[in-house]
Protein backbone atom coordinates (compact mmCIF):
# COMPACT_ATOMS: atom_id res chain seq x y z
CA MET A 1 -17.16 13.60 0.01
CA SER A 2 -14.32 14.64 -2.30
CA TYR A 3 -12.72 17.14 0.00
CA SER A 4 -9.39 17.27 1.82
CA ILE A 5 -8.54 18.04 5.40
CA PHE A 6 -5.10 18.22 6.95
CA MET A 7 -4.27 17.14 10.49
CA LEU A 8 -1.37 19.25 11.69
CA ARG A 9 0.05 19.79 15.15
CA PHE A 10 1.24 23.32 15.82
CA VAL A 11 3.48 24.66 18.57
CA GLU A 12 4.08 28.41 18.62
CA GLY A 13 2.88 28.70 15.02
CA GLU A 14 5.15 25.98 13.64
CA VAL A 15 4.22 22.49 12.43
CA VAL A 16 5.68 19.81 14.69
CA THR A 17 5.84 16.04 14.48
CA LEU A 18 2.78 13.93 15.16
CA ASP A 19 3.05 10.79 17.29
CA ALA A 20 3.32 8.00 14.69
CA GLU A 21 2.67 5.28 17.27
CA ARG A 22 -0.47 7.02 18.51
CA PHE A 23 -1.57 7.38 14.88
CA ARG A 24 -1.13 3.64 14.39
CA GLN A 25 -3.04 2.78 17.58
CA VAL A 26 -6.06 4.95 16.72
CA ALA A 27 -6.22 4.29 12.96
CA GLU A 28 -5.34 0.59 12.85
CA PRO A 29 -8.76 -0.78 13.88
CA TYR A 30 -10.29 0.94 10.82
CA VAL A 31 -7.62 0.12 8.19
CA VAL A 32 -8.85 -2.05 5.30
CA VAL A 33 -6.10 -1.25 2.76
CA GLY A 34 -2.54 0.00 3.28
CA GLY A 35 -1.21 0.93 6.67
CA PRO A 36 1.03 3.30 8.57
CA GLY A 37 4.24 1.94 7.03
CA GLU A 38 2.92 2.41 3.50
CA GLY A 39 2.08 6.12 3.61
CA PHE A 40 -1.53 5.43 2.63
CA SER A 41 -4.46 3.86 4.44
CA GLN A 42 -8.04 3.37 3.48
CA LEU A 43 -10.24 3.37 6.56
CA ARG A 44 -13.74 1.96 7.00
CA ALA A 45 -15.97 2.90 9.93
CA GLU A 46 -18.63 0.72 11.53
CA ASP A 47 -21.38 2.19 9.30
CA GLY A 48 -19.41 1.37 6.13
CA GLY A 49 -18.22 4.94 5.51
CA GLU A 50 -14.68 5.20 4.20
CA ALA A 51 -11.80 7.67 4.01
CA ASP A 52 -8.43 7.74 2.27
CA LEU A 53 -5.54 8.85 4.46
CA TYR A 54 -2.13 9.95 3.26
CA HIS A 55 0.50 10.01 5.98
CA ALA A 56 3.96 10.10 4.45
CA SER A 57 6.91 10.96 6.66
CA HIS A 58 9.67 13.41 5.78
CA GLU A 59 12.15 11.24 7.63
CA GLU A 60 11.82 7.82 9.23
CA GLY A 61 9.23 8.18 11.99
CA ASP A 62 8.80 11.91 11.40
CA LEU A 63 5.06 12.09 10.75
CA ARG A 64 4.24 15.75 9.99
CA CYS A 65 0.78 15.66 8.43
CA VAL A 66 -2.15 13.34 7.89
CA THR A 67 -4.35 14.22 4.93
CA ALA A 68 -7.85 12.77 4.67
CA THR A 69 -9.70 12.74 1.35
CA HIS A 70 -12.86 11.15 -0.01
CA PHE A 71 -14.27 10.75 3.49
CA ALA A 72 -17.85 9.83 4.20
CA ARG A 73 -20.15 11.64 6.57
CA GLY A 74 -21.44 9.67 9.51
CA ALA A 75 -19.24 7.46 11.66
CA MET A 76 -16.10 8.25 9.61
CA SER A 77 -16.39 11.91 10.56
CA GLY A 78 -16.18 10.83 14.19
CA VAL A 79 -13.18 8.60 13.49
CA LEU A 80 -11.33 11.51 11.85
CA ALA A 81 -12.19 13.95 14.65
CA ARG A 82 -11.09 11.48 17.33
CA LEU A 83 -7.89 10.73 15.42
CA ALA A 84 -6.98 14.41 15.19
CA ALA A 85 -7.78 14.95 18.88
CA ALA A 86 -5.69 11.91 19.88
CA LEU A 87 -2.77 13.30 17.89
CA GLY A 88 -3.09 16.74 19.49
CA ALA A 89 -3.58 18.03 15.96
CA SER A 90 -5.70 20.79 14.53
CA ILE A 91 -7.85 20.06 11.50
CA VAL A 92 -7.18 22.45 8.65
CA PRO A 93 -9.79 22.14 5.87
CA GLN A 94 -8.67 22.73 2.27
CA ASP A 95 -10.66 25.95 2.10
CA GLY A 96 -9.01 27.53 5.13
CA GLY A 97 -9.74 28.09 8.76
CA ALA A 98 -8.82 25.62 11.47
CA LEU A 99 -10.67 23.38 13.88
CA VAL A 100 -9.19 22.91 17.35
CA PHE A 101 -10.41 20.84 20.27
CA ASP A 102 -9.58 23.24 23.09
CA GLU A 103 -9.45 27.02 23.25
CA SER A 104 -5.89 26.79 24.61
CA ASP A 105 -4.79 25.34 21.24
CA ARG A 106 -5.72 28.53 19.38
CA HIS A 107 -2.58 30.43 20.44
CA HIS A 108 -0.37 27.70 18.92
CA LEU A 109 -1.84 28.19 15.44
CA PRO A 110 -0.06 30.33 12.86
CA ALA A 111 -1.36 33.90 12.94
CA GLU A 112 -3.27 33.50 9.66
CA LEU A 113 -5.34 30.63 11.13
CA ARG A 114 -5.86 31.95 14.67
CA GLU A 115 -8.71 34.41 14.08
CA ARG A 116 -10.91 32.06 12.04
CA ALA A 117 -10.29 28.98 14.22
CA THR A 118 -13.31 27.19 15.64
CA VAL A 119 -13.31 25.10 18.79
CA ILE A 120 -15.21 21.83 18.37
CA ALA A 121 -15.80 18.62 20.31
CA PRO A 122 -14.13 15.52 18.82
CA THR A 123 -17.42 14.11 17.55
CA ALA A 124 -18.90 13.36 14.14
CA GLU A 125 -21.69 15.88 14.66
CA ALA A 126 -19.41 18.76 15.68
CA PHE A 127 -16.92 18.04 12.88
CA GLN A 128 -19.63 17.86 10.21
CA ALA A 129 -21.34 21.02 11.49
CA ALA A 130 -18.04 22.94 11.35
CA LEU A 131 -17.45 21.85 7.75
CA ASP A 132 -20.97 22.87 6.77
CA VAL A 133 -20.48 26.48 7.90
């Protein structure tokens, strides 16, 4: 689908650095083009579904956001949900709201995202259902 989501980790309403090594560990098995050092990766899941990830750093090793675009439904949705959960990140869809993986994460969101946040499991089904709402 041609749609963007942003994986951001919040602490007390502020965006904080994501773990670049953890990103590499989780994403690397799915990378078919690019890679963590290049700022762009194309991923392919076991069912053939793909996603484009943009993950540029502000400073060396300072990974602040992962943006996923053109991602397929199916297994890739699960890959993206698991990646965000592994990073301790919230998923912020382009049209607003936020998806978190534990109710305790809600209070870390910026005030404008807190009320509309939805708690989901890190699965393809839960992620897709939340986007369909």
